[in-house]
Amino acid sequence: MSIVIHHNPDCGTSRNVLEIIRAFAGEPIIVEYLRTGWTRPQLQALFAAAGLTPRTALRVSKSPAEALGLTDPAVSEEAILDAMIEHPILVNRPIVCTAKGVALCRPSEAVFALLDAPSGARFVKEDGEVVVAP
């Protein structure tokens, strides 16, 4: 199975995850979801596989979530999902799919659980922080 990353190149966390994947697993399939958008079945499948809900996958910072009223607890999961399809930036990222599972990889070192990186493997993030595989 190929590794797939749902990636936003403007996001530092997403860039770090992409580079960790490249360092320990090779070149993944990169889906720039801000360009391609999302479909309802695609998001539902990703969320189910990752154990997420639209609300838990909602990106609140640096997104229009609050302005759209999506942070109100009374807003339904379906309404959030509809908004995510209309505004792809509302989906938190990066979401990574490997043979080991699917996960929202925040913080970036969470991707180690989806890779065959040896325990103790080190990676230097773009800000200079060193992260270590468990």
C-alpha atoms as a PDB file:
ATOM      1  CA  MET A   1       0.000   0.000   0.000  1.00  0.00           C
ATOM      2  CA  SER A   2       1.259   3.448  -0.882  1.00  0.00           C
ATOM      3  CA  ILE A   3       1.424   6.181   1.703  1.00  0.00           C
ATOM      4  CA  VAL A   4      -0.957   9.065   1.083  1.00  0.00           C
ATOM      5  CA  ILE A   5      -0.706  12.469   2.708  1.00  0.00           C
ATOM      6  CA  HIS A   6      -3.521  15.003   2.497  1.00  0.00           C
ATOM      7  CA  HIS A   7      -1.222  17.979   2.467  1.00  0.00           C
ATOM      8  CA  ASN A   8      -1.246  21.757   2.620  1.00  0.00           C
ATOM      9  CA  PRO A   9       2.151  23.074   1.496  1.00  0.00           C
ATOM     10  CA  ASP A  10       1.521  26.352   3.354  1.00  0.00           C
ATOM     11  CA  CYS A  11       1.326  24.515   6.708  1.00  0.00           C
ATOM     12  CA  GLY A  12       4.555  23.927   8.639  1.00  0.00           C
ATOM     13  CA  THR A  13       3.202  20.815  10.359  1.00  0.00           C
ATOM     14  CA  SER A  14       2.136  19.369   7.028  1.00  0.00           C
ATOM     15  CA  ARG A  15       5.552  20.119   5.497  1.00  0.00           C
ATOM     16  CA  ASN A  16       7.313  18.458   8.445  1.00  0.00           C
ATOM     17  CA  VAL A  17       5.133  15.362   8.184  1.00  0.00           C
ATOM     18  CA  LEU A  18       5.827  15.129   4.463  1.00  0.00           C
ATOM     19  CA  GLU A  19       9.576  15.321   5.093  1.00  0.00           C
ATOM     20  CA  ILE A  20       9.402  12.684   7.871  1.00  0.00           C
ATOM     21  CA  ILE A  21       7.581  10.358   5.487  1.00  0.00           C
ATOM     22  CA  ARG A  22      10.185  10.996   2.774  1.00  0.00           C
ATOM     23  CA  ALA A  23      13.034  10.381   5.233  1.00  0.00           C
ATOM     24  CA  PHE A  24      11.700   7.087   6.590  1.00  0.00           C
ATOM     25  CA  ALA A  25       9.397   5.657   3.921  1.00  0.00           C
ATOM     26  CA  GLY A  26      10.091   7.271   0.555  1.00  0.00           C
ATOM     27  CA  GLU A  27       7.931   9.449  -1.643  1.00  0.00           C
ATOM     28  CA  PRO A  28       4.214   9.384  -0.731  1.00  0.00           C
ATOM     29  CA  ILE A  29       1.217  10.199  -2.857  1.00  0.00           C
ATOM     30  CA  ILE A  30       0.560  13.870  -2.133  1.00  0.00           C
ATOM     31  CA  VAL A  31      -3.012  15.141  -2.251  1.00  0.00           C
ATOM     32  CA  GLU A  32      -3.135  18.921  -2.083  1.00  0.00           C
ATOM     33  CA  TYR A  33      -6.683  19.018  -0.816  1.00  0.00           C
ATOM     34  CA  LEU A  34      -6.996  22.797  -1.094  1.00  0.00           C
ATOM     35  CA  ARG A  35      -6.671  22.330  -4.875  1.00  0.00           C
ATOM     36  CA  THR A  36      -8.616  19.082  -5.268  1.00  0.00           C
ATOM     37  CA  GLY A  37     -11.269  19.681  -2.623  1.00  0.00           C
ATOM     38  CA  TRP A  38     -13.038  16.951  -0.685  1.00  0.00           C
ATOM     39  CA  THR A  39     -16.009  14.725  -1.355  1.00  0.00           C
ATOM     40  CA  ARG A  40     -18.438  13.662   1.337  1.00  0.00           C
ATOM     41  CA  PRO A  41     -17.600   9.928   0.970  1.00  0.00           C
ATOM     42  CA  GLN A  42     -13.882  10.684   1.038  1.00  0.00           C
ATOM     43  CA  LEU A  43     -14.097  12.691   4.269  1.00  0.00           C
ATOM     44  CA  GLN A  44     -16.449  10.197   5.874  1.00  0.00           C
ATOM     45  CA  ALA A  45     -14.061   7.339   5.068  1.00  0.00           C
ATOM     46  CA  LEU A  46     -10.988   9.221   6.290  1.00  0.00           C
ATOM     47  CA  PHE A  47     -12.689  10.288   9.501  1.00  0.00           C
ATOM     48  CA  ALA A  48     -14.010   6.781  10.178  1.00  0.00           C
ATOM     49  CA  ALA A  49     -10.587   5.226   9.589  1.00  0.00           C
ATOM     50  CA  ALA A  50      -8.871   7.800  11.808  1.00  0.00           C
ATOM     51  CA  GLY A  51     -11.493   7.701  14.570  1.00  0.00           C
ATOM     52  CA  LEU A  52     -12.409  11.329  13.974  1.00  0.00           C
ATOM     53  CA  THR A  53     -15.661  13.202  13.625  1.00  0.00           C
ATOM     54  CA  PRO A  54     -16.156  16.340  11.558  1.00  0.00           C
ATOM     55  CA  ARG A  55     -16.073  18.338  14.805  1.00  0.00           C
ATOM     56  CA  THR A  56     -12.795  16.791  16.023  1.00  0.00           C
ATOM     57  CA  ALA A  57     -11.242  17.259  12.562  1.00  0.00           C
ATOM     58  CA  LEU A  58     -12.388  20.878  12.300  1.00  0.00           C
ATOM     59  CA  ARG A  59      -9.548  23.356  11.941  1.00  0.00           C
ATOM     60  CA  VAL A  60     -10.479  26.319  14.101  1.00  0.00           C
ATOM     61  CA  SER A  61      -7.325  28.438  13.997  1.00  0.00           C
ATOM     62  CA  LYS A  62      -6.454  30.225  10.768  1.00  0.00           C
ATOM     63  CA  SER A  63      -9.718  29.118   9.177  1.00  0.00           C
ATOM     64  CA  PRO A  64     -13.194  30.594   8.765  1.00  0.00           C
ATOM     65  CA  ALA A  65     -14.696  28.104  11.258  1.00  0.00           C
ATOM     66  CA  GLU A  66     -15.634  30.683  13.865  1.00  0.00           C
ATOM     67  CA  ALA A  67     -16.890  33.221  11.318  1.00  0.00           C
ATOM     68  CA  LEU A  68     -19.101  30.516   9.818  1.00  0.00           C
ATOM     69  CA  GLY A  69     -20.537  29.714  13.255  1.00  0.00           C
ATOM     70  CA  LEU A  70     -19.119  26.167  13.217  1.00  0.00           C
ATOM     71  CA  THR A  71     -17.617  26.348  16.700  1.00  0.00           C
ATOM     72  CA  ASP A  72     -21.082  26.569  18.274  1.00  0.00           C
ATOM     73  CA  PRO A  73     -21.751  23.205  19.998  1.00  0.00           C
ATOM     74  CA  ALA A  74     -25.294  23.264  18.598  1.00  0.00           C
ATOM     75  CA  VAL A  75     -24.003  22.968  15.010  1.00  0.00           C
ATOM     76  CA  SER A  76     -24.517  19.428  13.715  1.00  0.00           C
ATOM     77  CA  GLU A  77     -21.759  17.146  12.459  1.00  0.00           C
ATOM     78  CA  GLU A  78     -23.526  17.128   9.077  1.00  0.00           C
ATOM     79  CA  ALA A  79     -23.417  20.926   8.887  1.00  0.00           C
ATOM     80  CA  ILE A  80     -19.698  20.875   9.689  1.00  0.00           C
ATOM     81  CA  LEU A  81     -19.138  18.216   7.017  1.00  0.00           C
ATOM     82  CA  ASP A  82     -21.076  20.299   4.476  1.00  0.00           C
ATOM     83  CA  ALA A  83     -18.926  23.323   5.330  1.00  0.00           C
ATOM     84  CA  MET A  84     -15.734  21.259   4.963  1.00  0.00           C
ATOM     85  CA  ILE A  85     -16.750  20.282   1.464  1.00  0.00           C
ATOM     86  CA  GLU A  86     -17.467  23.897   0.587  1.00  0.00           C
ATOM     87  CA  HIS A  87     -14.349  25.239   2.375  1.00  0.00           C
ATOM     88  CA  PRO A  88     -11.569  22.575   2.290  1.00  0.00           C
ATOM     89  CA  ILE A  89      -9.371  24.707   4.597  1.00  0.00           C
ATOM     90  CA  LEU A  90     -11.708  23.728   7.452  1.00  0.00           C
ATOM     91  CA  VAL A  91     -10.223  20.215   7.612  1.00  0.00           C
ATOM     92  CA  ASN A  92      -7.311  19.974  10.003  1.00  0.00           C
ATOM     93  CA  ARG A  93      -4.176  18.551   8.461  1.00  0.00           C
ATOM     94  CA  PRO A  94      -2.215  16.616   7.554  1.00  0.00           C
ATOM     95  CA  ILE A  95      -4.144  13.378   7.349  1.00  0.00           C
ATOM     96  CA  VAL A  96      -1.886  10.442   6.510  1.00  0.00           C
ATOM     97  CA  CYS A  97      -2.928   6.991   5.277  1.00  0.00           C
ATOM     98  CA  THR A  98      -0.561   3.999   5.448  1.00  0.00           C
ATOM     99  CA  ALA A  99      -0.882   0.235   5.781  1.00  0.00           C
ATOM    100  CA  LYS A 100      -0.654   0.811   9.556  1.00  0.00           C
ATOM    101  CA  GLY A 101      -3.682   3.110   9.667  1.00  0.00           C
ATOM    102  CA  VAL A 102      -4.995   6.615   9.132  1.00  0.00           C
ATOM    103  CA  ALA A 103      -4.332   9.554  11.418  1.00  0.00           C
ATOM    104  CA  LEU A 104      -4.459  13.289  11.733  1.00  0.00           C
ATOM    105  CA  CYS A 105      -0.750  13.886  12.311  1.00  0.00           C
ATOM    106  CA  ARG A 106      -0.660  16.814  14.708  1.00  0.00           C
ATOM    107  CA  PRO A 107       1.883  17.166  16.153  1.00  0.00           C
ATOM    108  CA  SER A 108       4.038  16.132  13.207  1.00  0.00           C
ATOM    109  CA  GLU A 109       5.845  13.372  15.120  1.00  0.00           C
ATOM    110  CA  ALA A 110       2.516  11.512  15.375  1.00  0.00           C
ATOM    111  CA  VAL A 111       3.287  10.211  11.873  1.00  0.00           C
ATOM    112  CA  PHE A 112       5.972   7.912  13.327  1.00  0.00           C
ATOM    113  CA  ALA A 113       3.193   5.571  14.535  1.00  0.00           C
ATOM    114  CA  LEU A 114       2.183   5.048  10.894  1.00  0.00           C
ATOM    115  CA  LEU A 115       5.698   4.354   9.599  1.00  0.00           C
ATOM    116  CA  ASP A 116       8.326   1.661  10.009  1.00  0.00           C
ATOM    117  CA  ALA A 117      10.838   4.129  11.425  1.00  0.00           C
ATOM    118  CA  PRO A 118      13.212   2.480  13.894  1.00  0.00           C
ATOM    119  CA  SER A 119      12.748   3.363  17.537  1.00  0.00           C
ATOM    120  CA  GLY A 120      14.994   6.272  18.410  1.00  0.00           C
ATOM    121  CA  ALA A 121      15.163   7.556  14.841  1.00  0.00           C
ATOM    122  CA  ARG A 122      15.623  11.322  14.880  1.00  0.00           C
ATOM    123  CA  PHE A 123      14.258  14.006  12.597  1.00  0.00           C
ATOM    124  CA  VAL A 124      14.976  17.726  12.654  1.00  0.00           C
ATOM    125  CA  LYS A 125      11.890  19.777  11.896  1.00  0.00           C
ATOM    126  CA  GLU A 126      12.132  22.948   9.818  1.00  0.00           C
ATOM    127  CA  ASP A 127      12.149  25.081  12.988  1.00  0.00           C
ATOM    128  CA  GLY A 128      15.136  23.130  14.336  1.00  0.00           C
ATOM    129  CA  GLU A 129      13.190  21.044  16.861  1.00  0.00           C
ATOM    130  CA  VAL A 130      14.399  17.440  17.034  1.00  0.00           C
ATOM    131  CA  VAL A 131      11.739  14.737  17.250  1.00  0.00           C
ATOM    132  CA  VAL A 132      12.428  11.097  18.015  1.00  0.00           C
ATOM    133  CA  ALA A 133      10.494   8.010  16.953  1.00  0.00           C
ATOM    134  CA  PRO A 134       9.169   6.113  19.960  1.00  0.00           C
END
